[in-house]
């Protein structure tokens, strides 16, 4: 049985997180490139439609990058003991989302060669996109080593109270709960992963025991003399 556990991302989780962050950075670089192209080529009355199209594409790229970055942070979170790194790592999506539009918004509203109508339409759309990218990229409940440690130890303690081996639980690819028994009705016949509660967290973000397994474990955990007393009373 596991004792108190401090969360440390596994090499596999770190590897997946690194890949996701690389793809996120690529998406952000493409968004920045799209912004530069829009500033240099599309801020004019004649290319308003293409400017709007570019804004939509930049927004999609910015959100994609932020989504991938958040997934990476869940696999390999920062520690709250390092406030600067913790903030930057978890809010980088918001920062990049704003930067993907801020220069473009400024250039649209300060451009003297386009009409007020074009400024109003393009500038408003770009500003809304900037806000959307910033909000989407922000993490209002960021993961952390400390939060994961607290949750995993909470689950380990709950498992121990039911005499469940917290180092030997099961979960399926499509499931969202871990199981104490591999013959549980919800996973019977399915391809299963087996390991500790910590590993189920790393693999699927699972933090809840199957209720059927919990009831079965609770029955097994009742002392024999208590069982006999219950049966006698009934």
C-alpha atoms as a PDB file:
ATOM      1  CA  UNK A   1       0.000   0.000   0.000  1.00  0.00           C
ATOM      2  CA  UNK A   2       1.185   3.525  -0.809  1.00  0.00           C
ATOM      3  CA  UNK A   3       1.932   5.982   1.977  1.00  0.00           C
ATOM      4  CA  UNK A   4       1.952   9.769   1.547  1.00  0.00           C
ATOM      5  CA  UNK A   5       2.837  10.522  -2.052  1.00  0.00           C
ATOM      6  CA  UNK A   6       4.274  13.721  -3.525  1.00  0.00           C
ATOM      7  CA  UNK A   7       3.170  14.093  -7.103  1.00  0.00           C
ATOM      8  CA  UNK A   8       5.951  13.871  -9.661  1.00  0.00           C
ATOM      9  CA  UNK A   9       5.047  13.649 -13.339  1.00  0.00           C
ATOM     10  CA  UNK A  10       6.208  10.394 -14.888  1.00  0.00           C
ATOM     11  CA  UNK A  11       8.706  10.391 -17.787  1.00  0.00           C
ATOM     12  CA  UNK A  12       5.835   9.357 -20.080  1.00  0.00           C
ATOM     13  CA  UNK A  13       3.685  12.280 -18.909  1.00  0.00           C
ATOM     14  CA  UNK A  14       6.601  14.688 -19.301  1.00  0.00           C
ATOM     15  CA  UNK A  15       7.211  13.357 -22.825  1.00  0.00           C
ATOM     16  CA  UNK A  16       3.576  13.865 -23.838  1.00  0.00           C
ATOM     17  CA  UNK A  17       3.573  17.329 -22.269  1.00  0.00           C
ATOM     18  CA  UNK A  18       6.712  18.289 -24.199  1.00  0.00           C
ATOM     19  CA  UNK A  19       5.130  17.226 -27.499  1.00  0.00           C
ATOM     20  CA  UNK A  20       1.955  19.169 -26.759  1.00  0.00           C
ATOM     21  CA  UNK A  21       3.949  22.276 -25.866  1.00  0.00           C
ATOM     22  CA  UNK A  22       5.927  22.059 -29.097  1.00  0.00           C
ATOM     23  CA  UNK A  23       2.693  21.881 -31.104  1.00  0.00           C
ATOM     24  CA  UNK A  24       1.270  24.759 -29.041  1.00  0.00           C
ATOM     25  CA  UNK A  25       4.294  26.947 -29.791  1.00  0.00           C
ATOM     26  CA  UNK A  26       4.006  26.097 -33.500  1.00  0.00           C
ATOM     27  CA  UNK A  27       0.348  27.139 -33.474  1.00  0.00           C
ATOM     28  CA  UNK A  28       1.222  30.411 -31.725  1.00  0.00           C
ATOM     29  CA  UNK A  29       4.057  31.123 -34.181  1.00  0.00           C
ATOM     30  CA  UNK A  30       1.671  30.564 -37.087  1.00  0.00           C
ATOM     31  CA  UNK A  31      -0.799  32.933 -35.429  1.00  0.00           C
ATOM     32  CA  UNK A  32       1.927  35.563 -35.061  1.00  0.00           C
ATOM     33  CA  UNK A  33       2.945  35.030 -38.671  1.00  0.00           C
ATOM     34  CA  UNK A  34      -0.669  35.484 -39.730  1.00  0.00           C
ATOM     35  CA  UNK A  35      -0.820  38.697 -37.760  1.00  0.00           C
ATOM     36  CA  UNK A  36       2.321  40.077 -39.439  1.00  0.00           C
ATOM     37  CA  UNK A  37       0.903  39.170 -42.854  1.00  0.00           C
ATOM     38  CA  UNK A  38      -2.406  40.859 -42.002  1.00  0.00           C
ATOM     39  CA  UNK A  39      -0.633  44.027 -40.840  1.00  0.00           C
ATOM     40  CA  UNK A  40       1.569  44.239 -43.929  1.00  0.00           C
ATOM     41  CA  UNK A  41      -0.881  43.141 -46.616  1.00  0.00           C
ATOM     42  CA  UNK A  42      -4.505  43.264 -45.515  1.00  0.00           C
ATOM     43  CA  UNK A  43      -5.172  46.548 -43.703  1.00  0.00           C
ATOM     44  CA  UNK A  44      -6.987  48.392 -46.470  1.00  0.00           C
ATOM     45  CA  UNK A  45     -10.525  49.113 -47.599  1.00  0.00           C
ATOM     46  CA  UNK A  46     -10.170  46.755 -50.579  1.00  0.00           C
ATOM     47  CA  UNK A  47      -9.083  43.738 -48.527  1.00  0.00           C
ATOM     48  CA  UNK A  48     -11.509  44.037 -45.603  1.00  0.00           C
ATOM     49  CA  UNK A  49     -13.049  40.605 -46.209  1.00  0.00           C
ATOM     50  CA  UNK A  50      -9.630  38.923 -46.335  1.00  0.00           C
ATOM     51  CA  UNK A  51      -8.609  40.786 -43.193  1.00  0.00           C
ATOM     52  CA  UNK A  52     -11.626  39.368 -41.374  1.00  0.00           C
ATOM     53  CA  UNK A  53     -10.782  35.887 -42.681  1.00  0.00           C
ATOM     54  CA  UNK A  54      -7.228  36.325 -41.401  1.00  0.00           C
ATOM     55  CA  UNK A  55      -8.513  37.386 -37.977  1.00  0.00           C
ATOM     56  CA  UNK A  56     -10.646  34.231 -37.763  1.00  0.00           C
ATOM     57  CA  UNK A  57      -7.689  32.020 -38.741  1.00  0.00           C
ATOM     58  CA  UNK A  58      -5.411  33.744 -36.228  1.00  0.00           C
ATOM     59  CA  UNK A  59      -8.030  33.241 -33.522  1.00  0.00           C
ATOM     60  CA  UNK A  60      -8.340  29.532 -34.352  1.00  0.00           C
ATOM     61  CA  UNK A  61      -4.561  29.107 -34.181  1.00  0.00           C
ATOM     62  CA  UNK A  62      -4.302  31.027 -30.898  1.00  0.00           C
ATOM     63  CA  UNK A  63      -7.052  28.946 -29.275  1.00  0.00           C
ATOM     64  CA  UNK A  64      -5.521  25.717 -30.581  1.00  0.00           C
ATOM     65  CA  UNK A  65      -2.176  26.662 -29.073  1.00  0.00           C
ATOM     66  CA  UNK A  66      -3.758  27.539 -25.727  1.00  0.00           C
ATOM     67  CA  UNK A  67      -5.770  24.316 -25.623  1.00  0.00           C
ATOM     68  CA  UNK A  68      -2.678  22.197 -26.273  1.00  0.00           C
ATOM     69  CA  UNK A  69      -0.690  24.159 -23.699  1.00  0.00           C
ATOM     70  CA  UNK A  70      -3.347  23.602 -21.025  1.00  0.00           C
ATOM     71  CA  UNK A  71      -3.378  19.866 -21.752  1.00  0.00           C
ATOM     72  CA  UNK A  72       0.395  19.832 -21.328  1.00  0.00           C
ATOM     73  CA  UNK A  73       0.113  21.643 -17.997  1.00  0.00           C
ATOM     74  CA  UNK A  74      -2.304  19.006 -16.724  1.00  0.00           C
ATOM     75  CA  UNK A  75       0.226  16.298 -17.532  1.00  0.00           C
ATOM     76  CA  UNK A  76       3.226  18.165 -16.131  1.00  0.00           C
ATOM     77  CA  UNK A  77       2.060  20.939 -13.778  1.00  0.00           C
ATOM     78  CA  UNK A  78       4.158  23.656 -12.213  1.00  0.00           C
ATOM     79  CA  UNK A  79       4.652  24.061  -8.468  1.00  0.00           C
ATOM     80  CA  UNK A  80       2.994  26.844  -6.506  1.00  0.00           C
ATOM     81  CA  UNK A  81       6.291  27.194  -4.635  1.00  0.00           C
ATOM     82  CA  UNK A  82       7.680  28.939  -7.729  1.00  0.00           C
ATOM     83  CA  UNK A  83       5.154  31.789  -8.153  1.00  0.00           C
ATOM     84  CA  UNK A  84       6.685  33.385 -11.260  1.00  0.00           C
ATOM     85  CA  UNK A  85       7.034  30.146 -13.190  1.00  0.00           C
ATOM     86  CA  UNK A  86       3.626  28.985 -11.952  1.00  0.00           C
ATOM     87  CA  UNK A  87       1.927  32.142 -13.247  1.00  0.00           C
ATOM     88  CA  UNK A  88       3.725  32.238 -16.596  1.00  0.00           C
ATOM     89  CA  UNK A  89       3.276  28.528 -17.307  1.00  0.00           C
ATOM     90  CA  UNK A  90      -0.435  28.569 -16.522  1.00  0.00           C
ATOM     91  CA  UNK A  91      -1.310  31.928 -18.082  1.00  0.00           C
ATOM     92  CA  UNK A  92       0.942  31.807 -21.130  1.00  0.00           C
ATOM     93  CA  UNK A  93      -2.067  30.954 -23.278  1.00  0.00           C
ATOM     94  CA  UNK A  94      -3.762  34.205 -22.283  1.00  0.00           C
ATOM     95  CA  UNK A  95      -0.568  36.184 -22.853  1.00  0.00           C
ATOM     96  CA  UNK A  96      -0.002  34.691 -26.305  1.00  0.00           C
ATOM     97  CA  UNK A  97      -3.672  35.078 -27.189  1.00  0.00           C
ATOM     98  CA  UNK A  98      -3.515  38.818 -26.511  1.00  0.00           C
ATOM     99  CA  UNK A  99      -0.159  39.225 -28.279  1.00  0.00           C
ATOM    100  CA  UNK A 100      -1.557  37.471 -31.349  1.00  0.00           C
ATOM    101  CA  UNK A 101      -3.941  40.426 -31.828  1.00  0.00           C
ATOM    102  CA  UNK A 102      -2.772  43.493 -29.898  1.00  0.00           C
ATOM    103  CA  UNK A 103      -0.363  44.881 -32.554  1.00  0.00           C
ATOM    104  CA  UNK A 104      -2.988  44.229 -35.251  1.00  0.00           C
ATOM    105  CA  UNK A 105      -5.695  46.041 -33.277  1.00  0.00           C
ATOM    106  CA  UNK A 106      -3.384  49.010 -32.727  1.00  0.00           C
ATOM    107  CA  UNK A 107      -2.383  49.155 -36.407  1.00  0.00           C
ATOM    108  CA  UNK A 108      -6.009  49.016 -37.566  1.00  0.00           C
ATOM    109  CA  UNK A 109      -7.187  51.852 -35.320  1.00  0.00           C
ATOM    110  CA  UNK A 110      -4.151  54.054 -35.977  1.00  0.00           C
ATOM    111  CA  UNK A 111      -4.007  53.527 -39.752  1.00  0.00           C
ATOM    112  CA  UNK A 112      -4.728  56.778 -41.598  1.00  0.00           C
ATOM    113  CA  UNK A 113      -5.139  55.174 -45.021  1.00  0.00           C
ATOM    114  CA  UNK A 114      -8.386  53.289 -44.335  1.00  0.00           C
ATOM    115  CA  UNK A 115     -11.932  54.570 -43.897  1.00  0.00           C
ATOM    116  CA  UNK A 116     -13.698  54.916 -40.594  1.00  0.00           C
ATOM    117  CA  UNK A 117     -16.069  52.129 -41.634  1.00  0.00           C
ATOM    118  CA  UNK A 118     -13.201  49.705 -42.206  1.00  0.00           C
ATOM    119  CA  UNK A 119     -11.620  50.738 -38.914  1.00  0.00           C
ATOM    120  CA  UNK A 120     -14.893  50.189 -37.105  1.00  0.00           C
ATOM    121  CA  UNK A 121     -15.613  46.767 -38.593  1.00  0.00           C
ATOM    122  CA  UNK A 122     -12.112  45.309 -38.666  1.00  0.00           C
ATOM    123  CA  UNK A 123     -11.018  46.933 -35.422  1.00  0.00           C
ATOM    124  CA  UNK A 124     -14.060  45.733 -33.510  1.00  0.00           C
ATOM    125  CA  UNK A 125     -13.761  42.176 -34.826  1.00  0.00           C
ATOM    126  CA  UNK A 126     -10.034  42.079 -34.045  1.00  0.00           C
ATOM    127  CA  UNK A 127     -10.610  43.481 -30.540  1.00  0.00           C
ATOM    128  CA  UNK A 128     -13.342  40.900 -29.836  1.00  0.00           C
ATOM    129  CA  UNK A 129     -11.057  38.147 -31.143  1.00  0.00           C
ATOM    130  CA  UNK A 130      -8.258  39.394 -28.869  1.00  0.00           C
ATOM    131  CA  UNK A 131     -10.524  39.264 -25.814  1.00  0.00           C
ATOM    132  CA  UNK A 132     -11.797  35.807 -26.810  1.00  0.00           C
ATOM    133  CA  UNK A 133      -8.243  34.506 -27.279  1.00  0.00           C
ATOM    134  CA  UNK A 134      -7.177  35.965 -23.947  1.00  0.00           C
ATOM    135  CA  UNK A 135     -10.104  34.525 -21.992  1.00  0.00           C
ATOM    136  CA  UNK A 136      -9.830  31.144 -23.701  1.00  0.00           C
ATOM    137  CA  UNK A 137      -6.119  31.000 -23.007  1.00  0.00           C
ATOM    138  CA  UNK A 138      -6.430  31.923 -19.335  1.00  0.00           C
ATOM    139  CA  UNK A 139      -6.526  29.100 -16.791  1.00  0.00           C
ATOM    140  CA  UNK A 140      -8.843  30.097 -13.939  1.00  0.00           C
ATOM    141  CA  UNK A 141      -8.216  26.866 -12.006  1.00  0.00           C
ATOM    142  CA  UNK A 142      -4.624  25.974 -12.883  1.00  0.00           C
ATOM    143  CA  UNK A 143      -3.199  22.567 -12.013  1.00  0.00           C
ATOM    144  CA  UNK A 144      -0.259  22.386  -9.652  1.00  0.00           C
ATOM    145  CA  UNK A 145       2.017  19.818  -8.055  1.00  0.00           C
ATOM    146  CA  UNK A 146       0.459  20.685  -4.700  1.00  0.00           C
ATOM    147  CA  UNK A 147      -3.136  20.208  -5.874  1.00  0.00           C
ATOM    148  CA  UNK A 148      -2.295  16.888  -7.490  1.00  0.00           C
ATOM    149  CA  UNK A 149      -0.427  15.739  -4.380  1.00  0.00           C
ATOM    150  CA  UNK A 150      -3.408  16.612  -2.169  1.00  0.00           C
ATOM    151  CA  UNK A 151      -5.909  14.864  -4.451  1.00  0.00           C
ATOM    152  CA  UNK A 152      -3.835  11.704  -4.912  1.00  0.00           C
ATOM    153  CA  UNK A 153      -3.209  11.363  -1.181  1.00  0.00           C
ATOM    154  CA  UNK A 154      -6.907  11.926  -0.534  1.00  0.00           C
ATOM    155  CA  UNK A 155      -7.728   9.081  -2.914  1.00  0.00           C
ATOM    156  CA  UNK A 156      -5.009   6.854  -1.432  1.00  0.00           C
ATOM    157  CA  UNK A 157      -6.383   7.445   2.061  1.00  0.00           C
ATOM    158  CA  UNK A 158      -9.923   6.659   0.915  1.00  0.00           C
ATOM    159  CA  UNK A 159      -8.689   3.458  -0.719  1.00  0.00           C
ATOM    160  CA  UNK A 160      -6.796   2.385   2.411  1.00  0.00           C
ATOM    161  CA  UNK A 161      -9.886   2.951   4.542  1.00  0.00           C
ATOM    162  CA  UNK A 162     -11.625   0.335   2.378  1.00  0.00           C
ATOM    163  CA  UNK A 163      -8.610  -1.996   2.420  1.00  0.00           C
ATOM    164  CA  UNK A 164      -8.066  -1.363  -1.293  1.00  0.00           C
ATOM    165  CA  UNK A 165      -4.509  -1.656  -2.563  1.00  0.00           C
ATOM    166  CA  UNK A 166      -3.893   1.839  -3.911  1.00  0.00           C
ATOM    167  CA  UNK A 167      -0.945   0.504  -5.916  1.00  0.00           C
ATOM    168  CA  UNK A 168      -3.118  -2.033  -7.729  1.00  0.00           C
ATOM    169  CA  UNK A 169      -6.203  -0.472  -9.311  1.00  0.00           C
ATOM    170  CA  UNK A 170      -7.695  -0.719 -12.798  1.00  0.00           C
ATOM    171  CA  UNK A 171      -9.052   1.670 -15.387  1.00  0.00           C
ATOM    172  CA  UNK A 172     -10.209   1.494 -18.990  1.00  0.00           C
ATOM    173  CA  UNK A 173      -9.371   3.725 -21.917  1.00  0.00           C
ATOM    174  CA  UNK A 174     -12.870   5.204 -22.120  1.00  0.00           C
ATOM    175  CA  UNK A 175     -13.633   5.247 -18.386  1.00  0.00           C
ATOM    176  CA  UNK A 176     -13.487   8.150 -15.962  1.00  0.00           C
ATOM    177  CA  UNK A 177     -13.167   6.160 -12.701  1.00  0.00           C
ATOM    178  CA  UNK A 178     -10.645   3.709 -11.321  1.00  0.00           C
ATOM    179  CA  UNK A 179     -11.679   0.256 -10.090  1.00  0.00           C
ATOM    180  CA  UNK A 180     -10.528  -1.922  -7.220  1.00  0.00           C
ATOM    181  CA  UNK A 181     -11.560  -5.148  -8.994  1.00  0.00           C
ATOM    182  CA  UNK A 182     -10.865  -6.144 -12.583  1.00  0.00           C
ATOM    183  CA  UNK A 183     -14.120  -8.119 -12.723  1.00  0.00           C
ATOM    184  CA  UNK A 184     -16.243  -5.039 -12.002  1.00  0.00           C
ATOM    185  CA  UNK A 185     -19.316  -4.968 -14.238  1.00  0.00           C
ATOM    186  CA  UNK A 186     -18.276  -1.651 -15.763  1.00  0.00           C
ATOM    187  CA  UNK A 187     -14.896  -2.844 -17.037  1.00  0.00           C
ATOM    188  CA  UNK A 188     -15.377  -6.593 -17.393  1.00  0.00           C
ATOM    189  CA  UNK A 189     -14.174  -7.732 -20.810  1.00  0.00           C
ATOM    190  CA  UNK A 190     -12.530  -4.387 -21.642  1.00  0.00           C
ATOM    191  CA  UNK A 191      -8.869  -3.658 -22.255  1.00  0.00           C
ATOM    192  CA  UNK A 192      -7.547  -2.425 -18.916  1.00  0.00           C
ATOM    193  CA  UNK A 193      -4.634  -0.498 -17.547  1.00  0.00           C
ATOM    194  CA  UNK A 194      -3.328  -1.537 -14.148  1.00  0.00           C
ATOM    195  CA  UNK A 195      -1.235   0.436 -11.688  1.00  0.00           C
ATOM    196  CA  UNK A 196      -1.416   2.862  -8.783  1.00  0.00           C
ATOM    197  CA  UNK A 197      -4.000   5.564  -8.200  1.00  0.00           C
ATOM    198  CA  UNK A 198      -1.247   8.042  -9.058  1.00  0.00           C
ATOM    199  CA  UNK A 199      -0.750   6.341 -12.426  1.00  0.00           C
ATOM    200  CA  UNK A 200      -4.482   6.425 -13.174  1.00  0.00           C
ATOM    201  CA  UNK A 201      -4.345  10.166 -12.469  1.00  0.00           C
ATOM    202  CA  UNK A 202      -1.388  10.653 -14.802  1.00  0.00           C
ATOM    203  CA  UNK A 203      -2.892   8.500 -17.538  1.00  0.00           C
ATOM    204  CA  UNK A 204      -6.478   9.717 -17.539  1.00  0.00           C
ATOM    205  CA  UNK A 205      -6.828  12.382 -14.843  1.00  0.00           C
ATOM    206  CA  UNK A 206      -9.001   9.931 -12.888  1.00  0.00           C
ATOM    207  CA  UNK A 207      -9.659  10.896  -9.270  1.00  0.00           C
ATOM    208  CA  UNK A 208     -12.750   8.906  -8.321  1.00  0.00           C
ATOM    209  CA  UNK A 209     -13.310   5.297  -7.266  1.00  0.00           C
ATOM    210  CA  UNK A 210     -16.067   3.315  -8.961  1.00  0.00           C
ATOM    211  CA  UNK A 211     -19.134   3.246  -6.668  1.00  0.00           C
ATOM    212  CA  UNK A 212     -19.742  -0.467  -7.321  1.00  0.00           C
ATOM    213  CA  UNK A 213     -16.155  -1.280  -6.330  1.00  0.00           C
ATOM    214  CA  UNK A 214     -16.455   0.993  -3.285  1.00  0.00           C
ATOM    215  CA  UNK A 215     -19.576  -0.866  -2.072  1.00  0.00           C
ATOM    216  CA  UNK A 216     -17.942  -4.239  -2.669  1.00  0.00           C
ATOM    217  CA  UNK A 217     -14.803  -3.162  -0.810  1.00  0.00           C
ATOM    218  CA  UNK A 218     -16.877  -1.754   2.060  1.00  0.00           C
ATOM    219  CA  UNK A 219     -18.644  -5.081   2.520  1.00  0.00           C
ATOM    220  CA  UNK A 220     -15.325  -6.934   2.541  1.00  0.00           C
ATOM    221  CA  UNK A 221     -13.888  -4.450   5.016  1.00  0.00           C
ATOM    222  CA  UNK A 222     -16.575  -5.180   7.658  1.00  0.00           C
ATOM    223  CA  UNK A 223     -15.077  -7.382  10.422  1.00  0.00           C
ATOM    224  CA  UNK A 224     -16.385 -10.956  10.643  1.00  0.00           C
ATOM    225  CA  UNK A 225     -17.855 -10.512  14.147  1.00  0.00           C
ATOM    226  CA  UNK A 226     -19.774  -7.460  12.981  1.00  0.00           C
ATOM    227  CA  UNK A 227     -21.114  -9.388   9.980  1.00  0.00           C
ATOM    228  CA  UNK A 228     -22.314 -12.172  12.274  1.00  0.00           C
ATOM    229  CA  UNK A 229     -23.986  -9.645  14.557  1.00  0.00           C
ATOM    230  CA  UNK A 230     -25.798  -8.021  11.607  1.00  0.00           C
ATOM    231  CA  UNK A 231     -26.942 -11.400  10.331  1.00  0.00           C
ATOM    232  CA  UNK A 232     -28.167 -12.407  13.814  1.00  0.00           C
ATOM    233  CA  UNK A 233     -30.160  -9.196  14.222  1.00  0.00           C
ATOM    234  CA  UNK A 234     -31.726  -9.652  10.783  1.00  0.00           C
END
